Amino acid sequence: MRSEKAKSLPPEEHLNVLKHWQQDVPDDRLAHLVRDASRAYQKSLQMRLAKYQVPFGHWTFLRILWQHDGLTQRELSVRAGVMEPTTFSAIKSMLELGYIDKRTAPDNKKNRYIYLTEKGRALKGKLVPLAEETNHVSVQGLSDAEVLSVRNVLLTLLHNLVLDQSNLLSQDD
C-alpha cells in the first residue's frame, strides 16, 4: 500500500529533499547530506521490500543472519547497531512470521541462539536482488571510478568517526 501511495504523489513531493539541498542549503554540513542519502536508500529499499511484506527492520536482521546464523539477541543487537529492545521486537515478529527460531546449544542451556528457518533463508534469493537494484539505481550516471571514490570517501568518514567515538569513550574513563 505504501508503494501505491508514493506513486500517486506529485513528482515535486518526491523531489523536496533534492530541491532542499540544491537550492536552500547547498553548503550545509556533510553529515546532513549523508543522513538524507541514507534515508533515500532506506526508503527505496523499503518500497521494494514491501512487495514481500518485509519491513526494513527485518531486512537488517535477516542480512546479518544470512552471514552469521546462530547469534544471541545481544550479538544480533551489536551487529545491527540497535538497542536490545528493538532487536527483541523484531525477533518476536520474525518468530511469528516463521523466518527464525530460537534454540539453546547442547553445551550451553543458558543462552538462546537465533537461527534462520528454511523460510528465512529462502528470502535471501528474493530480497538481495532488491538491495542490489537499489544500489544500481543510486549510482546511475556515475563511472566505476566515481563509485570507487565515493566508497573510499565514505569508508574514510566512517573510520574517522569510529576513531573519534573510541577517543571520546577513552576520555570518559
Protein backbone atom coordinates (compact mmCIF):
# COMPACT_ATOMS: atom_id res chain seq x y z
CA MET A 1 0.00 0.00 0.00
CA ARG A 2 2.87 2.38 0.74
CA SER A 3 4.28 1.99 -2.74
CA GLU A 4 0.88 2.82 -4.26
CA LYS A 5 0.66 5.96 -2.15
CA ALA A 6 4.20 7.00 -3.06
CA LYS A 7 3.47 6.53 -6.77
CA SER A 8 0.38 8.73 -6.52
CA LEU A 9 2.24 11.70 -5.04
CA PRO A 10 3.08 14.51 -7.44
CA PRO A 11 6.70 14.43 -8.61
CA GLU A 12 7.54 17.66 -6.77
CA GLU A 13 6.82 15.90 -3.46
CA HIS A 14 9.45 13.28 -4.29
CA LEU A 15 11.98 15.96 -5.12
CA ASN A 16 11.66 18.09 -1.97
CA VAL A 17 14.83 16.71 -0.39
CA LEU A 18 16.81 17.22 -3.60
CA LYS A 19 15.45 20.75 -4.02
CA HIS A 20 16.31 21.49 -0.40
CA TRP A 21 19.95 20.52 -0.99
CA GLN A 22 20.32 22.24 -4.35
CA GLN A 23 18.52 25.50 -3.56
CA ASP A 24 18.00 26.01 0.17
CA VAL A 25 21.20 24.73 1.78
CA PRO A 26 23.74 23.79 -0.90
CA ASP A 27 26.62 24.26 1.54
CA ASP A 28 25.06 22.63 4.62
CA ARG A 29 27.03 20.13 6.69
CA LEU A 30 28.11 16.87 5.10
CA ALA A 31 26.51 14.91 7.96
CA HIS A 32 23.07 16.14 6.91
CA LEU A 33 23.65 15.18 3.29
CA VAL A 34 24.86 11.71 4.26
CA ARG A 35 21.81 11.28 6.52
CA ASP A 36 19.42 12.28 3.74
CA ALA A 37 21.18 9.98 1.26
CA SER A 38 20.92 7.14 3.78
CA ARG A 39 17.22 7.82 4.26
CA ALA A 40 16.70 7.82 0.49
CA TYR A 41 18.48 4.44 0.23
CA GLN A 42 16.33 3.06 3.03
CA LYS A 43 13.12 4.38 1.52
CA SER A 44 13.92 2.95 -1.92
CA LEU A 45 14.74 -0.45 -0.45
CA GLN A 46 11.76 -0.30 1.90
CA MET A 47 9.43 0.28 -1.06
CA ARG A 48 10.90 -2.75 -2.83
CA LEU A 49 10.74 -4.95 0.30
CA ALA A 50 7.05 -4.10 0.68
CA LYS A 51 6.38 -6.38 -2.31
CA TYR A 52 7.25 -9.28 0.02
CA GLN A 53 5.76 -7.68 3.17
CA VAL A 54 9.22 -7.50 4.76
CA PRO A 55 9.79 -4.41 6.94
CA PHE A 56 13.11 -2.63 6.58
CA GLY A 57 13.94 -3.50 10.20
CA HIS A 58 13.64 -7.21 9.42
CA TRP A 59 15.92 -6.75 6.41
CA THR A 60 18.72 -5.59 8.69
CA PHE A 61 18.49 -8.67 10.91
CA LEU A 62 17.98 -11.10 8.02
CA ARG A 63 21.07 -9.72 6.30
CA ILE A 64 23.15 -10.34 9.42
CA LEU A 65 21.75 -13.84 9.95
CA TRP A 66 22.39 -14.79 6.31
CA GLN A 67 26.07 -14.16 7.06
CA HIS A 68 26.22 -15.34 10.70
CA ASP A 69 23.40 -17.68 11.65
CA GLY A 70 23.08 -18.71 15.30
CA LEU A 71 23.66 -15.46 17.19
CA THR A 72 22.33 -14.44 20.59
CA GLN A 73 19.95 -11.49 20.82
CA ARG A 74 22.76 -9.37 22.27
CA GLU A 75 25.16 -10.30 19.45
CA LEU A 76 22.47 -9.52 16.89
CA SER A 77 21.82 -6.13 18.54
CA VAL A 78 25.51 -5.23 18.47
CA ARG A 79 25.93 -6.22 14.82
CA ALA A 80 22.78 -4.31 13.82
CA GLY A 81 23.80 -1.28 15.87
CA VAL A 82 20.47 -1.10 17.69
CA MET A 83 19.30 -1.39 21.28
CA GLU A 84 18.19 -4.80 22.58
CA PRO A 85 14.50 -3.81 22.96
CA THR A 86 14.44 -3.03 19.22
CA THR A 87 16.00 -6.41 18.50
CA PHE A 88 13.57 -8.12 20.87
CA SER A 89 10.58 -6.65 19.00
CA ALA A 90 11.98 -7.65 15.62
CA ILE A 91 12.78 -11.16 16.84
CA LYS A 92 9.28 -11.59 18.21
CA SER A 93 7.75 -10.55 14.90
CA MET A 94 10.18 -12.65 12.83
CA LEU A 95 9.39 -15.70 15.01
CA GLU A 96 5.66 -15.19 14.33
CA LEU A 97 6.34 -14.90 10.59
CA GLY A 98 8.38 -18.11 10.64
CA TYR A 99 11.66 -16.51 9.48
CA ILE A 100 13.65 -17.57 12.55
CA ASP A 101 13.57 -19.84 15.55
CA LYS A 102 15.36 -19.76 18.89
CA ARG A 103 17.29 -22.69 20.29
CA THR A 104 19.71 -23.46 23.07
CA ALA A 105 23.06 -25.03 22.34
CA PRO A 106 23.60 -28.56 23.72
CA ASP A 107 26.60 -27.38 25.73
CA ASN A 108 25.05 -24.09 26.88
CA LYS A 109 21.45 -24.21 28.09
CA LYS A 110 21.60 -20.62 29.38
CA ASN A 111 21.86 -18.74 26.08
CA ARG A 112 19.28 -18.91 23.32
CA TYR A 113 20.52 -18.59 19.78
CA ILE A 114 18.62 -17.24 16.80
CA TYR A 115 18.65 -19.35 13.65
CA LEU A 116 17.05 -18.80 10.28
CA THR A 117 14.34 -21.20 9.26
CA GLU A 118 14.12 -22.51 5.72
CA LYS A 119 11.59 -19.73 5.05
CA GLY A 120 14.03 -17.11 6.36
CA ARG A 121 16.92 -18.49 4.30
CA ALA A 122 14.72 -18.57 1.19
CA LEU A 123 14.09 -14.83 1.48
CA LYS A 124 17.73 -14.15 0.62
CA GLY A 125 17.22 -15.09 -3.02
CA LYS A 126 14.24 -12.74 -3.26
CA LEU A 127 15.45 -9.78 -1.20
CA VAL A 128 19.15 -9.44 -2.02
CA PRO A 129 18.38 -8.64 -5.69
CA LEU A 130 16.14 -5.81 -4.43
CA ALA A 131 19.04 -4.30 -2.48
CA GLU A 132 21.31 -4.74 -5.49
CA GLU A 133 18.72 -2.97 -7.65
CA THR A 134 18.55 -0.10 -5.15
CA ASN A 135 22.33 0.24 -5.28
CA HIS A 136 22.33 0.09 -9.07
CA VAL A 137 19.71 2.84 -9.30
CA SER A 138 21.68 5.04 -6.90
CA VAL A 139 24.87 5.03 -8.98
CA GLN A 140 23.32 5.66 -12.38
CA GLY A 141 25.30 8.31 -14.20
CA LEU A 142 28.48 7.64 -12.20
CA SER A 143 31.57 5.99 -13.61
CA ASP A 144 33.16 2.99 -11.90
CA ALA A 145 35.97 5.30 -10.75
CA GLU A 146 33.47 7.74 -9.22
CA VAL A 147 31.67 4.93 -7.39
CA LEU A 148 35.01 3.68 -6.05
CA SER A 149 35.90 7.22 -4.98
CA VAL A 150 32.59 7.68 -3.14
CA ARG A 151 33.08 4.32 -1.45
CA ASN A 152 36.60 5.27 -0.34
CA VAL A 153 35.44 8.65 0.94
CA LEU A 154 32.60 7.08 2.94
CA LEU A 155 34.92 4.43 4.38
CA THR A 156 37.33 7.18 5.45
CA LEU A 157 34.50 9.16 7.05
CA LEU A 158 33.35 6.03 8.89
CA HIS A 159 36.89 5.24 10.02
CA ASN A 160 37.41 8.78 11.33
CA LEU A 161 34.11 8.78 13.21
CA VAL A 162 34.75 5.36 14.78
CA LEU A 163 38.17 6.59 15.96
CA ASP A 164 36.54 9.73 17.33
CA GLN A 165 33.98 7.67 19.25
CA SER A 166 36.75 5.50 20.65
CA ASN A 167 38.69 8.58 21.73
CA LEU A 168 35.61 10.10 23.35
CA LEU A 169 34.92 6.85 25.23
CA SER A 170 38.50 6.70 26.50
CA GLN A 171 38.23 10.30 27.76
CA ASP A 172 35.28 9.26 29.92
CA ASP A 173 37.42 6.70 31.79
